Amino acid sequence: MPVPDALEFFLDPGRCIGCQACIQACTECDTHKGQSMIQLDYVDRAHSTQTVPV
């Protein structure tokens, strides 16, 4: 069950160009003391298995 006061970040992967501006913006946020809370990984769909939560 989600916490009502939790901050969430939504990203449309279809519009991502790989500039990593989202990571920089999160780093500049005062709530994280200069640390980015976003981990960005690139997945090569041709060589990896797609997974879904169960």
C-alpha atoms as a PDB file:
ATOM      1  CA  MET A   1       0.000   0.000   0.000  1.00  0.00           C
ATOM      2  CA  PRO A   2       1.547   3.338  -1.038  1.00  0.00           C
ATOM      3  CA  VAL A   3       2.327   5.981   1.534  1.00  0.00           C
ATOM      4  CA  PRO A   4       0.144   9.081   0.894  1.00  0.00           C
ATOM      5  CA  ASP A   5       3.018  11.543   1.397  1.00  0.00           C
ATOM      6  CA  ALA A   6       5.469   9.626  -0.804  1.00  0.00           C
ATOM      7  CA  LEU A   7       6.996  11.507  -3.711  1.00  0.00           C
ATOM      8  CA  GLU A   8       6.855   9.753  -7.041  1.00  0.00           C
ATOM      9  CA  PHE A   9       8.565  10.445 -10.330  1.00  0.00           C
ATOM     10  CA  PHE A  10       6.955   9.445 -13.598  1.00  0.00           C
ATOM     11  CA  LEU A  11       8.881   9.150 -16.840  1.00  0.00           C
ATOM     12  CA  ASP A  12       7.479   8.387 -20.279  1.00  0.00           C
ATOM     13  CA  PRO A  13      10.075   5.983 -21.748  1.00  0.00           C
ATOM     14  CA  GLY A  14       8.707   6.657 -25.220  1.00  0.00           C
ATOM     15  CA  ARG A  15       9.886  10.269 -24.973  1.00  0.00           C
ATOM     16  CA  CYS A  16      13.256   9.584 -23.324  1.00  0.00           C
ATOM     17  CA  ILE A  17      16.226  10.711 -25.436  1.00  0.00           C
ATOM     18  CA  GLY A  18      18.896   9.591 -22.966  1.00  0.00           C
ATOM     19  CA  CYS A  19      19.996  13.079 -21.877  1.00  0.00           C
ATOM     20  CA  GLN A  20      19.793  12.120 -18.153  1.00  0.00           C
ATOM     21  CA  ALA A  21      18.280  15.517 -17.250  1.00  0.00           C
ATOM     22  CA  CYS A  22      15.870  13.687 -14.918  1.00  0.00           C
ATOM     23  CA  ILE A  23      18.827  12.426 -12.888  1.00  0.00           C
ATOM     24  CA  GLN A  24      20.321  15.920 -12.670  1.00  0.00           C
ATOM     25  CA  ALA A  25      16.976  17.432 -11.652  1.00  0.00           C
ATOM     26  CA  CYS A  26      16.588  14.855  -8.886  1.00  0.00           C
ATOM     27  CA  THR A  27      20.116  15.589  -7.641  1.00  0.00           C
ATOM     28  CA  GLU A  28      19.273  19.301  -7.385  1.00  0.00           C
ATOM     29  CA  CYS A  29      16.189  18.585  -5.246  1.00  0.00           C
ATOM     30  CA  ASP A  30      16.680  19.665  -1.621  1.00  0.00           C
ATOM     31  CA  THR A  31      14.904  16.619  -0.172  1.00  0.00           C
ATOM     32  CA  HIS A  32      17.665  14.155  -1.132  1.00  0.00           C
ATOM     33  CA  LYS A  33      20.695  16.097   0.161  1.00  0.00           C
ATOM     34  CA  GLY A  34      22.314  16.283  -3.284  1.00  0.00           C
ATOM     35  CA  GLN A  35      21.957  12.582  -4.076  1.00  0.00           C
ATOM     36  CA  SER A  36      19.906  11.393  -7.030  1.00  0.00           C
ATOM     37  CA  MET A  37      17.253   8.842  -6.119  1.00  0.00           C
ATOM     38  CA  ILE A  38      16.885   7.770  -9.764  1.00  0.00           C
ATOM     39  CA  GLN A  39      18.813   4.818 -11.131  1.00  0.00           C
ATOM     40  CA  LEU A  40      18.783   4.736 -14.920  1.00  0.00           C
ATOM     41  CA  ASP A  41      19.533   1.527 -16.782  1.00  0.00           C
ATOM     42  CA  TYR A  42      19.396   0.921 -20.507  1.00  0.00           C
ATOM     43  CA  VAL A  43      18.025  -2.416 -21.663  1.00  0.00           C
ATOM     44  CA  ASP A  44      18.919  -3.833 -25.057  1.00  0.00           C
ATOM     45  CA  ARG A  45      15.576  -5.407 -25.935  1.00  0.00           C
ATOM     46  CA  ALA A  46      17.112  -7.542 -28.681  1.00  0.00           C
ATOM     47  CA  HIS A  47      19.408  -9.320 -26.205  1.00  0.00           C
ATOM     48  CA  SER A  48      17.375  -9.424 -22.992  1.00  0.00           C
ATOM     49  CA  THR A  49      14.244 -11.119 -21.760  1.00  0.00           C
ATOM     50  CA  GLN A  50      11.298  -8.865 -21.023  1.00  0.00           C
ATOM     51  CA  THR A  51       9.938  -9.370 -17.512  1.00  0.00           C
ATOM     52  CA  VAL A  52       6.734  -8.412 -15.732  1.00  0.00           C
ATOM     53  CA  PRO A  53       5.841  -8.300 -12.030  1.00  0.00           C
ATOM     54  CA  VAL A  54       4.036 -11.418 -10.803  1.00  0.00           C
END
